[in-house]
C-alpha atoms as a PDB file:
ATOM      1  CA  MET A   1      -5.407  37.442 -62.531  1.00  0.00           C
ATOM      2  CA  ILE A   2      -4.230  41.057 -62.222  1.00  0.00           C
ATOM      3  CA  VAL A   3      -3.301  43.342 -65.112  1.00  0.00           C
ATOM      4  CA  TRP A   4      -2.493  47.048 -65.219  1.00  0.00           C
ATOM      5  CA  GLY A   5      -1.588  49.792 -67.655  1.00  0.00           C
ATOM      6  CA  PRO A   6      -3.291  52.437 -69.844  1.00  0.00           C
ATOM      7  CA  GLY A   7      -7.042  51.844 -69.924  1.00  0.00           C
ATOM      8  CA  TYR A   8      -9.600  51.929 -72.701  1.00  0.00           C
ATOM      9  CA  VAL A   9     -13.324  51.324 -73.128  1.00  0.00           C
ATOM     10  CA  TRP A  10     -14.562  47.800 -72.391  1.00  0.00           C
ATOM     11  CA  SER A  11     -17.987  47.319 -73.995  1.00  0.00           C
ATOM     12  CA  LYS A  12     -20.832  45.433 -72.301  1.00  0.00           C
ATOM     13  CA  HIS A  13     -19.690  42.023 -71.084  1.00  0.00           C
ATOM     14  CA  ARG A  14     -19.678  39.726 -68.080  1.00  0.00           C
ATOM     15  CA  HIS A  15     -17.435  37.032 -66.663  1.00  0.00           C
ATOM     16  CA  HIS A  16     -17.475  34.493 -63.858  1.00  0.00           C
ATOM     17  CA  SER A  17     -15.188  36.312 -61.461  1.00  0.00           C
ATOM     18  CA  VAL A  18     -15.291  39.052 -58.896  1.00  0.00           C
ATOM     19  CA  GLN A  19     -13.752  42.106 -60.549  1.00  0.00           C
ATOM     20  CA  LEU A  20     -12.004  45.004 -58.868  1.00  0.00           C
ATOM     21  CA  ALA A  21     -11.242  47.881 -61.236  1.00  0.00           C
ATOM     22  CA  LEU A  22      -9.000  50.641 -59.855  1.00  0.00           C
ATOM     23  CA  ALA A  23      -8.077  53.900 -61.564  1.00  0.00           C
ATOM     24  CA  ILE A  24      -4.541  54.396 -60.304  1.00  0.00           C
ATOM     25  CA  GLN A  25      -5.135  58.099 -60.785  1.00  0.00           C
ATOM     26  CA  GLY A  26      -8.224  60.077 -61.780  1.00  0.00           C
ATOM     27  CA  ARG A  27     -11.581  58.356 -62.180  1.00  0.00           C
ATOM     28  CA  LEU A  28     -13.018  55.644 -64.380  1.00  0.00           C
ATOM     29  CA  GLY A  29     -16.604  55.194 -65.542  1.00  0.00           C
ATOM     30  CA  VAL A  30     -18.729  52.091 -65.062  1.00  0.00           C
ATOM     31  CA  ARG A  31     -22.320  51.185 -65.881  1.00  0.00           C
ATOM     32  CA  SER A  32     -24.446  48.073 -66.276  1.00  0.00           C
ATOM     33  CA  GLY A  33     -25.403  48.682 -69.909  1.00  0.00           C
ATOM     34  CA  PRO A  34     -25.581  51.176 -72.807  1.00  0.00           C
ATOM     35  CA  ARG A  35     -28.826  52.781 -71.594  1.00  0.00           C
ATOM     36  CA  GLN A  36     -27.671  53.240 -68.008  1.00  0.00           C
ATOM     37  CA  LYS A  37     -25.965  56.282 -66.492  1.00  0.00           C
ATOM     38  CA  TRP A  38     -22.225  56.200 -66.024  1.00  0.00           C
ATOM     39  CA  ILE A  39     -20.935  56.001 -62.460  1.00  0.00           C
ATOM     40  CA  HIS A  40     -17.616  57.832 -62.080  1.00  0.00           C
ATOM     41  CA  CYS A  41     -15.360  56.653 -59.285  1.00  0.00           C
ATOM     42  CA  GLY A  42     -11.823  55.788 -58.291  1.00  0.00           C
ATOM     43  CA  ALA A  43     -12.498  52.068 -57.962  1.00  0.00           C
ATOM     44  CA  VAL A  44     -15.389  49.643 -58.290  1.00  0.00           C
ATOM     45  CA  LEU A  45     -16.250  46.071 -57.302  1.00  0.00           C
ATOM     46  CA  ILE A  46     -18.392  44.044 -59.711  1.00  0.00           C
ATOM     47  CA  GLN A  47     -20.298  40.869 -58.898  1.00  0.00           C
ATOM     48  CA  PRO A  48     -19.609  37.666 -60.838  1.00  0.00           C
ATOM     49  CA  ASP A  49     -21.728  37.231 -63.990  1.00  0.00           C
ATOM     50  CA  ALA A  50     -23.003  40.822 -63.839  1.00  0.00           C
ATOM     51  CA  PHE A  51     -23.144  42.708 -67.150  1.00  0.00           C
ATOM     52  CA  HIS A  52     -21.074  45.896 -67.134  1.00  0.00           C
ATOM     53  CA  GLU A  53     -19.123  48.417 -69.202  1.00  0.00           C
ATOM     54  CA  ILE A  54     -15.989  50.225 -68.090  1.00  0.00           C
ATOM     55  CA  ASP A  55     -14.535  53.442 -69.479  1.00  0.00           C
ATOM     56  CA  GLY A  56     -10.932  53.735 -68.414  1.00  0.00           C
ATOM     57  CA  SER A  57      -9.776  55.488 -71.574  1.00  0.00           C
ATOM     58  CA  LYS A  58      -8.178  58.478 -69.831  1.00  0.00           C
ATOM     59  CA  VAL A  59      -6.456  56.785 -66.894  1.00  0.00           C
ATOM     60  CA  ASN A  60      -4.080  54.034 -65.934  1.00  0.00           C
ATOM     61  CA  VAL A  61      -6.071  51.153 -64.516  1.00  0.00           C
ATOM     62  CA  LEU A  62      -5.459  48.053 -62.440  1.00  0.00           C
ATOM     63  CA  LEU A  63      -7.909  45.204 -63.060  1.00  0.00           C
ATOM     64  CA  THR A  64      -8.200  42.297 -60.651  1.00  0.00           C
ATOM     65  CA  PHE A  65     -10.169  39.169 -61.606  1.00  0.00           C
ATOM     66  CA  VAL A  66     -10.777  36.798 -58.696  1.00  0.00           C
ATOM     67  CA  ASP A  67     -12.552  33.433 -58.573  1.00  0.00           C
ATOM     68  CA  LYS A  68     -15.581  33.731 -56.314  1.00  0.00           C
ATOM     69  CA  GLU A  69     -14.754  30.219 -55.063  1.00  0.00           C
ATOM     70  CA  SER A  70     -11.446  31.422 -53.584  1.00  0.00           C
ATOM     71  CA  ASP A  71     -10.786  32.914 -50.142  1.00  0.00           C
ATOM     72  CA  LEU A  72     -10.082  36.309 -51.720  1.00  0.00           C
ATOM     73  CA  GLY A  73     -13.256  36.086 -53.808  1.00  0.00           C
ATOM     74  CA  ALA A  74     -15.346  35.380 -50.715  1.00  0.00           C
ATOM     75  CA  THR A  75     -13.713  38.333 -48.949  1.00  0.00           C
ATOM     76  CA  LEU A  76     -14.388  40.745 -51.803  1.00  0.00           C
ATOM     77  CA  LEU A  77     -17.998  39.572 -52.106  1.00  0.00           C
ATOM     78  CA  GLU A  78     -18.549  40.596 -48.481  1.00  0.00           C
ATOM     79  CA  ASN A  79     -17.976  44.201 -49.603  1.00  0.00           C
ATOM     80  CA  ILE A  80     -20.288  44.114 -52.636  1.00  0.00           C
ATOM     81  CA  GLU A  81     -23.725  45.510 -51.864  1.00  0.00           C
ATOM     82  CA  SER A  82     -25.082  45.422 -55.426  1.00  0.00           C
ATOM     83  CA  LYS A  83     -23.989  44.242 -58.863  1.00  0.00           C
ATOM     84  CA  ILE A  84     -21.778  47.315 -59.151  1.00  0.00           C
ATOM     85  CA  THR A  85     -20.402  48.749 -55.891  1.00  0.00           C
ATOM     86  CA  THR A  86     -18.063  51.736 -55.738  1.00  0.00           C
ATOM     87  CA  VAL A  87     -15.095  51.636 -53.369  1.00  0.00           C
ATOM     88  CA  PRO A  88     -14.951  54.483 -50.786  1.00  0.00           C
ATOM     89  CA  ASN A  89     -12.679  57.372 -51.746  1.00  0.00           C
ATOM     90  CA  GLY A  90     -10.648  56.986 -48.550  1.00  0.00           C
ATOM     91  CA  THR A  91      -9.838  53.372 -49.385  1.00  0.00           C
ATOM     92  CA  VAL A  92      -8.902  54.322 -52.955  1.00  0.00           C
ATOM     93  CA  ALA A  93      -6.531  57.015 -51.649  1.00  0.00           C
ATOM     94  CA  VAL A  94      -4.761  54.539 -49.356  1.00  0.00           C
ATOM     95  CA  TRP A  95      -4.404  52.002 -52.178  1.00  0.00           C
ATOM     96  CA  ARG A  96      -2.995  54.607 -54.566  1.00  0.00           C
ATOM     97  CA  GLN A  97      -0.477  55.847 -52.043  1.00  0.00           C
ATOM     98  CA  TYR A  98       0.721  52.291 -51.454  1.00  0.00           C
ATOM     99  CA  LEU A  99       0.962  51.396 -55.151  1.00  0.00           C
ATOM    100  CA  GLY A 100       2.845  54.584 -55.986  1.00  0.00           C
ATOM    101  CA  ASP A 101       3.743  55.862 -59.465  1.00  0.00           C
ATOM    102  CA  PRO A 102       1.392  54.167 -61.992  1.00  0.00           C
ATOM    103  CA  THR A 103       4.025  54.401 -64.743  1.00  0.00           C
ATOM    104  CA  ASN A 104       6.520  52.443 -62.661  1.00  0.00           C
ATOM    105  CA  LEU A 105       4.273  49.810 -61.085  1.00  0.00           C
ATOM    106  CA  THR A 106       5.889  46.399 -60.564  1.00  0.00           C
ATOM    107  CA  ALA A 107       4.491  42.914 -60.043  1.00  0.00           C
ATOM    108  CA  GLU A 108       6.193  42.782 -56.640  1.00  0.00           C
ATOM    109  CA  ARG A 109       4.434  45.972 -55.536  1.00  0.00           C
ATOM    110  CA  VAL A 110       1.044  44.732 -56.745  1.00  0.00           C
ATOM    111  CA  GLU A 111       1.480  41.372 -54.987  1.00  0.00           C
ATOM    112  CA  SER A 112       2.425  43.198 -51.784  1.00  0.00           C
ATOM    113  CA  TRP A 113      -0.698  45.376 -52.123  1.00  0.00           C
ATOM    114  CA  VAL A 114      -2.892  42.284 -52.503  1.00  0.00           C
ATOM    115  CA  ARG A 115      -1.434  40.707 -49.366  1.00  0.00           C
ATOM    116  CA  GLN A 116      -1.573  43.935 -47.376  1.00  0.00           C
ATOM    117  CA  TYR A 117      -5.045  45.173 -48.276  1.00  0.00           C
ATOM    118  CA  LEU A 118      -7.095  42.438 -49.933  1.00  0.00           C
ATOM    119  CA  LEU A 119      -6.050  39.270 -48.136  1.00  0.00           C
ATOM    120  CA  SER A 120      -5.688  40.671 -44.617  1.00  0.00           C
ATOM    121  CA  ASN A 121      -9.237  39.674 -43.630  1.00  0.00           C
ATOM    122  CA  ARG A 122      -9.811  36.794 -46.009  1.00  0.00           C
ATOM    123  CA  ARG A 123     -12.416  34.154 -45.241  1.00  0.00           C
ATOM    124  CA  ALA A 124     -13.247  30.767 -46.730  1.00  0.00           C
ATOM    125  CA  PRO A 125     -16.116  30.690 -49.259  1.00  0.00           C
ATOM    126  CA  ASN A 126     -19.346  28.916 -48.344  1.00  0.00           C
ATOM    127  CA  LEU A 127     -19.136  25.860 -50.596  1.00  0.00           C
ATOM    128  CA  HIS A 128     -20.621  22.384 -50.426  1.00  0.00           C
ATOM    129  CA  PRO A 129     -17.747  20.100 -49.286  1.00  0.00           C
ATOM    130  CA  LYS A 130     -18.160  17.777 -52.281  1.00  0.00           C
ATOM    131  CA  VAL A 131     -18.090  20.752 -54.653  1.00  0.00           C
ATOM    132  CA  ARG A 132     -14.931  22.000 -52.927  1.00  0.00           C
ATOM    133  CA  ARG A 133     -13.345  18.617 -53.637  1.00  0.00           C
ATOM    134  CA  ILE A 134     -14.193  18.870 -57.342  1.00  0.00           C
ATOM    135  CA  LEU A 135     -12.854  22.426 -57.581  1.00  0.00           C
ATOM    136  CA  GLN A 136      -9.568  21.228 -56.131  1.00  0.00           C
ATOM    137  CA  MET A 137      -9.442  18.397 -58.660  1.00  0.00           C
ATOM    138  CA  VAL A 138     -10.093  20.806 -61.541  1.00  0.00           C
ATOM    139  CA  GLN A 139      -7.327  23.074 -60.260  1.00  0.00           C
ATOM    140  CA  GLU A 140      -4.875  20.161 -60.168  1.00  0.00           C
ATOM    141  CA  GLU A 141      -5.793  18.632 -63.534  1.00  0.00           C
ATOM    142  CA  LEU A 142      -6.658  21.651 -65.658  1.00  0.00           C
ATOM    143  CA  ALA A 143      -3.250  22.060 -67.278  1.00  0.00           C
ATOM    144  CA  THR A 144      -3.013  18.364 -68.174  1.00  0.00           C
ATOM    145  CA  GLY A 145      -5.663  18.645 -70.879  1.00  0.00           C
ATOM    146  CA  ARG A 146      -7.798  15.993 -69.213  1.00  0.00           C
ATOM    147  CA  SER A 147     -11.535  16.271 -69.821  1.00  0.00           C
ATOM    148  CA  PHE A 148     -14.167  16.540 -67.104  1.00  0.00           C
ATOM    149  CA  PRO A 149     -17.244  14.609 -68.253  1.00  0.00           C
ATOM    150  CA  LEU A 150     -20.219  14.891 -65.936  1.00  0.00           C
ATOM    151  CA  ARG A 151     -20.332  11.157 -65.224  1.00  0.00           C
ATOM    152  CA  ARG A 152     -16.734  11.105 -64.027  1.00  0.00           C
ATOM    153  CA  VAL A 153     -16.991  14.265 -61.939  1.00  0.00           C
ATOM    154  CA  ALA A 154     -20.272  13.260 -60.306  1.00  0.00           C
ATOM    155  CA  GLY A 155     -18.775   9.843 -59.503  1.00  0.00           C
ATOM    156  CA  ILE A 156     -15.778  11.426 -57.786  1.00  0.00           C
ATOM    157  CA  ALA A 157     -18.156  13.628 -55.796  1.00  0.00           C
ATOM    158  CA  GLY A 158     -20.199  10.573 -54.820  1.00  0.00           C
ATOM    159  CA  LEU A 159     -23.461  12.046 -56.146  1.00  0.00           C
ATOM    160  CA  SER A 160     -25.868  11.259 -58.944  1.00  0.00           C
ATOM    161  CA  GLU A 161     -25.372  13.373 -62.059  1.00  0.00           C
ATOM    162  CA  SER A 162     -28.587  15.335 -61.519  1.00  0.00           C
ATOM    163  CA  ARG A 163     -27.864  15.924 -57.822  1.00  0.00           C
ATOM    164  CA  PHE A 164     -24.299  16.965 -58.537  1.00  0.00           C
ATOM    165  CA  MET A 165     -25.380  19.492 -61.190  1.00  0.00           C
ATOM    166  CA  HIS A 166     -27.856  21.024 -58.757  1.00  0.00           C
ATOM    167  CA  VAL A 167     -25.360  21.231 -55.897  1.00  0.00           C
ATOM    168  CA  PHE A 168     -22.542  22.527 -58.106  1.00  0.00           C
ATOM    169  CA  THR A 169     -24.616  25.251 -59.746  1.00  0.00           C
ATOM    170  CA  GLU A 170     -26.064  26.312 -56.396  1.00  0.00           C
ATOM    171  CA  SER A 171     -22.592  26.574 -54.824  1.00  0.00           C
ATOM    172  CA  VAL A 172     -20.616  28.061 -57.708  1.00  0.00           C
ATOM    173  CA  GLY A 173     -23.299  30.023 -59.545  1.00  0.00           C
ATOM    174  CA  VAL A 174     -22.801  28.474 -62.989  1.00  0.00           C
ATOM    175  CA  PRO A 175     -23.073  24.924 -64.388  1.00  0.00           C
ATOM    176  CA  LEU A 176     -20.002  22.682 -64.505  1.00  0.00           C
ATOM    177  CA  ARG A 177     -19.300  23.131 -68.229  1.00  0.00           C
ATOM    178  CA  SER A 178     -19.441  26.930 -67.987  1.00  0.00           C
ATOM    179  CA  TYR A 179     -17.079  26.835 -65.035  1.00  0.00           C
ATOM    180  CA  ILE A 180     -14.595  24.611 -66.871  1.00  0.00           C
ATOM    181  CA  LEU A 181     -14.668  26.924 -69.906  1.00  0.00           C
ATOM    182  CA  TRP A 182     -13.993  29.913 -67.651  1.00  0.00           C
ATOM    183  CA  ARG A 183     -11.044  28.188 -65.983  1.00  0.00           C
ATOM    184  CA  ARG A 184      -9.667  27.164 -69.396  1.00  0.00           C
ATOM    185  CA  LEU A 185      -9.865  30.785 -70.507  1.00  0.00           C
ATOM    186  CA  GLN A 186      -8.008  31.894 -67.373  1.00  0.00           C
ATOM    187  CA  LEU A 187      -5.311  29.313 -68.004  1.00  0.00           C
ATOM    188  CA  ALA A 188      -4.940  30.408 -71.634  1.00  0.00           C
ATOM    189  CA  CYS A 189      -4.569  34.043 -70.531  1.00  0.00           C
ATOM    190  CA  SER A 190      -1.912  32.992 -68.038  1.00  0.00           C
ATOM    191  CA  GLU A 191      -0.045  31.131 -70.769  1.00  0.00           C
ATOM    192  CA  ILE A 192      -0.045  34.248 -72.950  1.00  0.00           C
ATOM    193  CA  MET A 193       1.151  36.416 -70.064  1.00  0.00           C
ATOM    194  CA  ASN A 194       3.972  33.926 -69.504  1.00  0.00           C
ATOM    195  CA  ALA A 195       5.094  34.425 -73.129  1.00  0.00           C
ATOM    196  CA  ALA A 196       3.381  31.397 -74.670  1.00  0.00           C
ATOM    197  CA  SER A 197       2.283  31.776 -78.271  1.00  0.00           C
ATOM    198  CA  ILE A 198      -1.360  32.431 -79.153  1.00  0.00           C
ATOM    199  CA  THR A 199      -1.442  28.999 -80.801  1.00  0.00           C
ATOM    200  CA  ASP A 200      -0.257  27.270 -77.625  1.00  0.00           C
ATOM    201  CA  ALA A 201      -2.746  29.198 -75.508  1.00  0.00           C
ATOM    202  CA  ASP A 202      -5.556  28.350 -77.917  1.00  0.00           C
ATOM    203  CA  THR A 203      -4.645  24.672 -77.577  1.00  0.00           C
ATOM    204  CA  VAL A 204      -5.074  24.941 -73.809  1.00  0.00           C
ATOM    205  CA  PHE A 205      -8.482  26.568 -74.175  1.00  0.00           C
ATOM    206  CA  ALA A 206      -9.665  24.163 -76.916  1.00  0.00           C
ATOM    207  CA  ALA A 207      -9.013  21.204 -74.628  1.00  0.00           C
ATOM    208  CA  SER A 208     -12.375  21.892 -72.988  1.00  0.00           C
ATOM    209  CA  ALA A 209     -14.319  21.659 -76.236  1.00  0.00           C
END
């Protein structure tokens, strides 16, 4: 999921995705918590599940949220040296020049930027093959409202429930239920961005409860 526009202050939070935050002009601030020093930079990569705050109140920002289980997520993680990693100024300058005027940024231009600069050296994530199968199933069935009880999912994977939970958490970084909730939230956000009502989007998210 990629969004852009005038920034503001995002208080301390975390989410199960690799995040790339880019100030399309100027600099943004980022830190791991209220008692930490602000890091000011043009762009920053943030590890999945890492607490952070972002101050983009004086700039236009582009925020990219990428599943760590995807090819792009695996590629971005290769460039993250710590929980919060700043992007080199030279790279930021190239990205800004390609994206152009931040007040006239289009979805087509952003998609072209992703293909040109983020996906050019993509690599497959290191996932257990049975976990990969389950992630594909979740992707295919998520919008149907179907539930994903542990017994069913473990059976499809061909593992005991306890073994599956261990393998899944080790591969993905969070337990199955947390992952499903995160994907439901992503789907609800996509529904809103595609002009669905808040009520309809909430129905999508509540399906995981």
